[in-house]
Amino acid sequence: MTARTTPTPADLEITVRDNRFGRERTLARWWCNGDPVATAWNNALSAAFPRGEALFVDSVKAFRDGAPPKLEREIRAFVKQEVNHSREHLRFNRMAAESGYDMRGVDARVEATIAIARNRPPIVQLGVTMALEHFTAMFARVFLDRPQDFFDPARTDAGLWTWHAIEEIEHKAVAYDTFLHATRGWSRWKRWKLKTLTMLLASVRFLRNRWRDAMDLLAQDGITGSRARARLFWYLAGKPGILRRIFPAWAAYFLPGFHPWNHDDRALIGKYDSEFADAVMAAE
């Protein structure tokens, strides 16, 4: 059975924005609104990005042969965007370490998790990639829709995250469309089963590991035990409640007719171009 036509917009162009952040400054220890919990969670996310994005790049490139010309162009742009993201988050992670956090335990857990994924068959690695790309796109959409709930958009610290979020939305379907190309001979049931199982597995490991990483970083600030768990849970499920807010989009992934571009949020890219870019460049 051939893959159905995907609803990726025909006029979508993935733009590689080669931005650099934080070259001439230091990072405050509680850089995220002075909140140790928000800082711990976002530091944990950032710590996972470089190794995770290297896996994403490799898993997509493994199936690019024979891709239609438009998808082939999108894969090339996806790779360039992810390489830039890794570079900037490596720099950000060094600044987090320089602010006083010991990031070695976090990095070791990320490395071990990525090693497990890399031992899986290439198509499973691609399934993990498209699941986690859906996570990053969901986070990006919520953040860009109401950035003031997470960062002060005028702060330089927000520039990296805004830029990253925009490009995650822009390339959110590349791994998914690559999967459809790679499994074009599969039945819908077989494709849906792999998609579903990899999302469930990726969700459990992603949330469990980022929770552990954030708790590790909170402990370095003397916030431990039930107090730390309650504060982190409230940040994720209460206010601003990123996990609560992404749940409908997460659940939609399991629907048979799901595609990342069923929800067209390109207006957020225009919002960045018109409202955020000038502020970010001025801050730099």
Protein backbone atom coordinates (compact mmCIF):
# COMPACT_ATOMS: atom_id res chain seq x y z
CA MET A 1 0.00 0.00 0.00
CA THR A 2 1.39 3.42 -0.89
CA ALA A 3 1.48 6.30 1.58
CA ARG A 4 -1.32 8.78 1.31
CA THR A 5 -0.69 12.33 0.15
CA THR A 6 0.42 14.34 3.15
CA PRO A 7 -1.09 17.73 4.00
CA THR A 8 2.25 19.49 4.40
CA PRO A 9 1.61 22.92 2.83
CA ALA A 10 2.83 22.99 -0.76
CA ASP A 11 4.16 26.52 -0.31
CA LEU A 12 6.03 25.79 2.93
CA GLU A 13 9.67 26.83 2.76
CA ILE A 14 11.96 25.85 5.63
CA THR A 15 14.26 28.79 6.33
CA VAL A 16 17.64 28.21 7.96
CA ARG A 17 18.15 31.13 10.38
CA ASP A 18 21.80 30.89 11.38
CA ASN A 19 21.49 32.91 14.60
CA ARG A 20 23.95 33.01 17.49
CA PHE A 21 23.15 33.86 21.08
CA GLY A 22 24.96 34.68 24.29
CA ARG A 23 28.48 35.04 22.96
CA GLU A 24 29.34 38.11 25.02
CA ARG A 25 27.52 37.48 28.28
CA THR A 26 27.10 35.15 31.22
CA LEU A 27 23.95 33.36 32.27
CA ALA A 28 22.29 34.12 35.60
CA ARG A 29 21.90 30.98 37.71
CA TRP A 30 18.10 31.36 37.81
CA TRP A 31 17.92 32.83 34.35
CA CYS A 32 14.25 31.89 33.73
CA ASN A 33 12.30 34.67 35.45
CA GLY A 34 14.31 34.21 38.63
CA ASP A 35 12.52 30.89 39.21
CA PRO A 36 14.69 27.87 40.13
CA VAL A 37 11.95 25.41 39.06
CA ALA A 38 11.46 26.94 35.61
CA THR A 39 15.22 27.19 35.25
CA ALA A 40 15.74 23.54 36.21
CA TRP A 41 13.12 22.27 33.75
CA ASN A 42 14.43 24.33 30.84
CA ASN A 43 18.05 23.54 31.63
CA ALA A 44 17.05 19.86 31.57
CA LEU A 45 15.44 20.33 28.17
CA SER A 46 18.43 22.16 26.78
CA ALA A 47 20.81 19.49 28.05
CA ALA A 48 18.94 16.87 26.02
CA PHE A 49 18.88 18.77 22.74
CA PRO A 50 22.40 18.34 21.27
CA ARG A 51 22.54 14.54 21.56
CA GLY A 52 18.86 14.20 20.74
CA GLU A 53 19.10 16.35 17.64
CA ALA A 54 22.12 14.36 16.42
CA LEU A 55 19.93 11.26 16.60
CA PHE A 56 17.13 13.06 14.75
CA VAL A 57 19.45 14.09 11.95
CA ASP A 58 20.91 10.62 11.51
CA SER A 59 17.53 8.88 11.61
CA VAL A 60 16.06 11.13 8.92
CA LYS A 61 19.13 11.02 6.68
CA ALA A 62 19.01 7.21 6.77
CA PHE A 63 15.81 7.27 4.68
CA ARG A 64 16.34 10.23 2.37
CA ASP A 65 17.29 8.14 -0.69
CA GLY A 66 14.52 8.22 -3.25
CA ALA A 67 12.58 10.92 -1.44
CA PRO A 68 10.47 13.25 -3.61
CA PRO A 69 12.31 16.49 -4.49
CA LYS A 70 10.31 18.65 -2.06
CA LEU A 71 10.90 16.28 0.83
CA GLU A 72 14.56 15.99 -0.11
CA ARG A 73 14.89 19.79 0.11
CA GLU A 74 13.08 19.80 3.44
CA ILE A 75 15.39 17.11 4.82
CA ARG A 76 18.44 19.19 3.88
CA ALA A 77 16.98 22.28 5.57
CA PHE A 78 15.94 20.20 8.60
CA VAL A 79 19.50 18.94 9.02
CA LYS A 80 20.93 22.47 8.84
CA GLN A 81 18.42 23.79 11.35
CA GLU A 82 19.09 20.97 13.79
CA VAL A 83 22.86 21.39 13.51
CA ASN A 84 22.46 25.07 14.36
CA HIS A 85 20.18 24.24 17.29
CA SER A 86 22.75 21.81 18.67
CA ARG A 87 25.52 24.38 18.40
CA GLU A 88 23.55 27.02 20.26
CA HIS A 89 22.33 24.70 22.99
CA LEU A 90 25.84 23.37 23.54
CA ARG A 91 26.83 26.97 24.21
CA PHE A 92 23.81 27.50 26.45
CA ASN A 93 24.59 24.30 28.39
CA ARG A 94 28.15 25.49 28.98
CA MET A 95 26.77 28.76 30.34
CA ALA A 96 24.43 26.83 32.66
CA ALA A 97 27.44 24.91 33.96
CA GLU A 98 29.38 28.14 34.38
CA SER A 99 26.52 29.54 36.45
CA GLY A 100 27.22 26.83 39.02
CA TYR A 101 25.26 23.73 37.97
CA ASP A 102 26.96 20.35 37.69
CA MET A 103 25.48 19.08 34.43
CA ARG A 104 27.50 15.86 34.26
CA GLY A 105 24.81 13.60 35.72
CA VAL A 106 22.20 15.05 33.39
CA ASP A 107 24.44 14.58 30.36
CA ALA A 108 25.24 10.99 31.35
CA ARG A 109 21.54 10.12 31.50
CA VAL A 110 20.93 11.73 28.12
CA GLU A 111 23.87 9.84 26.62
CA ALA A 112 22.61 6.51 28.00
CA THR A 113 19.09 7.08 26.68
CA ILE A 114 20.31 8.04 23.22
CA ALA A 115 22.56 4.96 23.17
CA ILE A 116 19.51 2.76 23.76
CA ALA A 117 17.69 4.41 20.86
CA ARG A 118 20.69 4.03 18.54
CA ASN A 119 20.71 0.29 19.17
CA ARG A 120 17.22 -0.02 17.71
CA PRO A 121 16.54 -0.69 13.99
CA PRO A 122 16.73 2.46 11.81
CA ILE A 123 12.97 2.58 11.26
CA VAL A 124 12.38 2.53 15.02
CA GLN A 125 14.90 5.34 15.43
CA LEU A 126 12.90 7.30 12.87
CA GLY A 127 9.71 6.53 14.79
CA VAL A 128 11.29 7.88 17.98
CA THR A 129 12.42 10.95 16.08
CA MET A 130 8.99 11.79 14.72
CA ALA A 131 7.47 11.28 18.18
CA LEU A 132 9.95 13.62 19.85
CA GLU A 133 9.68 16.12 17.01
CA HIS A 134 5.97 16.21 17.81
CA PHE A 135 6.88 16.97 21.44
CA THR A 136 9.14 19.86 20.47
CA ALA A 137 6.53 21.24 18.08
CA MET A 138 3.85 21.07 20.79
CA PHE A 139 6.11 22.87 23.26
CA ALA A 140 6.98 25.44 20.61
CA ARG A 141 3.35 26.15 19.75
CA VAL A 142 2.34 26.72 23.38
CA PHE A 143 5.37 28.89 24.05
CA LEU A 144 4.98 31.06 20.98
CA ASP A 145 1.25 31.44 21.46
CA ARG A 146 1.75 32.98 24.92
CA PRO A 147 5.49 33.53 25.48
CA GLN A 148 4.85 35.79 28.46
CA ASP A 149 3.70 32.72 30.39
CA PHE A 150 7.21 31.27 30.14
CA PHE A 151 9.73 34.07 29.53
CA ASP A 152 9.87 37.81 29.24
CA PRO A 153 10.04 38.05 25.42
CA ALA A 154 12.16 41.20 25.68
CA ARG A 155 14.94 39.41 27.57
CA THR A 156 17.96 38.18 25.66
CA ASP A 157 17.60 34.81 27.41
CA ALA A 158 14.35 34.25 25.52
CA GLY A 159 15.91 34.80 22.11
CA LEU A 160 17.45 31.34 21.80
CA TRP A 161 14.22 29.63 22.83
CA THR A 162 12.05 31.74 20.54
CA TRP A 163 14.29 31.08 17.53
CA HIS A 164 14.42 27.36 18.30
CA ALA A 165 10.65 27.17 18.72
CA ILE A 166 9.99 28.84 15.37
CA GLU A 167 12.16 26.39 13.49
CA GLU A 168 10.65 23.41 15.34
CA ILE A 169 7.24 24.45 14.05
CA GLU A 170 8.58 25.03 10.56
CA HIS A 171 10.13 21.56 10.23
CA LYS A 172 7.65 19.69 12.42
CA ALA A 173 6.53 17.34 9.63
CA VAL A 174 9.88 16.45 8.07
CA ALA A 175 10.47 13.33 10.17
CA TYR A 176 6.82 12.34 9.81
CA ASP A 177 6.83 12.72 6.03
CA THR A 178 10.13 10.83 5.88
CA PHE A 179 8.46 8.03 7.85
CA LEU A 180 5.56 7.97 5.38
CA HIS A 181 8.07 7.78 2.53
CA ALA A 182 10.08 5.04 4.24
CA THR A 183 6.97 2.93 5.00
CA ARG A 184 5.14 3.58 1.74
CA GLY A 185 4.85 -0.17 1.18
CA TRP A 186 3.43 -0.85 4.62
CA SER A 187 -0.21 -1.37 5.57
CA ARG A 188 -1.88 1.43 7.52
CA TRP A 189 -2.19 -0.87 10.51
CA LYS A 190 1.52 -1.70 10.59
CA ARG A 191 2.46 1.98 10.22
CA TRP A 192 0.02 3.08 12.91
CA LYS A 193 1.22 0.38 15.31
CA LEU A 194 4.87 1.45 15.06
CA LYS A 195 3.93 5.12 15.29
CA THR A 196 1.83 4.50 18.40
CA LEU A 197 4.27 2.25 20.23
CA THR A 198 7.22 4.54 19.63
CA MET A 199 5.25 7.56 20.85
CA LEU A 200 4.21 5.79 24.05
CA LEU A 201 7.76 4.63 24.73
CA ALA A 202 9.29 7.99 23.84
CA SER A 203 6.77 9.86 25.99
CA VAL A 204 7.48 7.77 29.09
CA ARG A 205 11.25 8.01 28.72
CA PHE A 206 11.28 11.68 27.78
CA LEU A 207 9.11 12.80 30.71
CA ARG A 208 10.70 10.45 33.22
CA ASN A 209 14.22 11.49 32.31
CA ARG A 210 13.54 15.22 32.14
CA TRP A 211 11.82 14.96 35.54
CA ARG A 212 14.90 13.25 37.00
CA ASP A 213 17.19 15.80 35.43
CA ALA A 214 15.17 18.73 36.75
CA MET A 215 15.06 17.18 40.23
CA ASP A 216 18.83 16.75 40.10
CA LEU A 217 19.29 20.43 39.28
CA LEU A 218 16.77 21.53 41.93
CA ALA A 219 18.68 19.51 44.53
CA GLN A 220 21.75 21.56 43.67
CA ASP A 221 19.73 24.60 44.75
CA GLY A 222 18.76 22.92 48.01
CA ILE A 223 15.20 22.18 46.85
CA THR A 224 14.56 18.50 47.53
CA GLY A 225 11.99 15.91 48.54
CA SER A 226 8.24 16.49 48.44
CA ARG A 227 8.75 20.25 48.19
CA ALA A 228 10.72 19.86 44.97
CA ARG A 229 8.27 17.33 43.52
CA ALA A 230 5.26 19.51 44.31
CA ARG A 231 6.80 22.64 42.82
CA LEU A 232 7.92 20.87 39.65
CA PHE A 233 4.55 19.15 39.25
CA TRP A 234 2.74 22.48 39.59
CA TYR A 235 5.03 24.10 37.04
CA LEU A 236 4.31 21.34 34.51
CA ALA A 237 0.63 20.65 35.21
CA GLY A 238 -0.61 23.81 36.92
CA LYS A 239 0.90 27.16 36.00
CA PRO A 240 2.14 27.67 33.34
CA GLY A 241 1.25 24.00 32.85
CA ILE A 242 3.09 23.10 29.68
CA LEU A 243 2.17 19.39 29.93
CA ARG A 244 -1.47 20.13 30.64
CA ARG A 245 -1.64 22.47 27.65
CA ILE A 246 -0.06 20.08 25.16
CA PHE A 247 -2.18 17.08 26.13
CA PRO A 248 -4.86 17.49 23.40
CA ALA A 249 -2.18 17.75 20.70
CA TRP A 250 -0.34 14.77 22.20
CA ALA A 251 -3.52 12.66 22.15
CA ALA A 252 -4.23 13.68 18.54
CA TYR A 253 -1.02 11.92 17.48
CA PHE A 254 -2.74 8.55 17.98
CA LEU A 255 -5.60 9.28 15.60
CA PRO A 256 -5.42 7.33 12.29
CA GLY A 257 -5.66 10.54 10.23
CA PHE A 258 -3.02 12.47 12.19
CA HIS A 259 -0.47 14.62 10.43
CA PRO A 260 1.59 17.43 12.03
CA TRP A 261 0.17 19.98 9.59
CA ASN A 262 -3.44 19.14 10.39
CA HIS A 263 -2.93 22.16 12.66
CA ASP A 264 -1.49 24.98 10.56
CA ASP A 265 0.34 27.27 12.95
CA ARG A 266 2.50 29.13 10.45
CA ALA A 267 1.01 32.37 11.76
CA LEU A 268 3.32 31.97 14.75
CA ILE A 269 6.29 32.09 12.39
CA GLY A 270 5.01 35.39 11.02
CA LYS A 271 4.54 36.60 14.58
CA TYR A 272 8.20 35.90 15.26
CA ASP A 273 9.36 37.60 12.09
CA SER A 274 7.36 40.73 12.82
CA GLU A 275 7.57 41.01 16.62
CA PHE A 276 10.47 39.01 18.00
CA ALA A 277 13.32 39.25 15.51
CA ASP A 278 14.02 42.96 15.93
CA ALA A 279 13.97 42.67 19.72
CA VAL A 280 16.33 39.71 19.70
CA MET A 281 18.80 41.37 17.37
CA ALA A 282 18.71 44.59 19.39
CA ALA A 283 19.42 42.66 22.58
CA GLU A 284 22.38 40.95 20.99
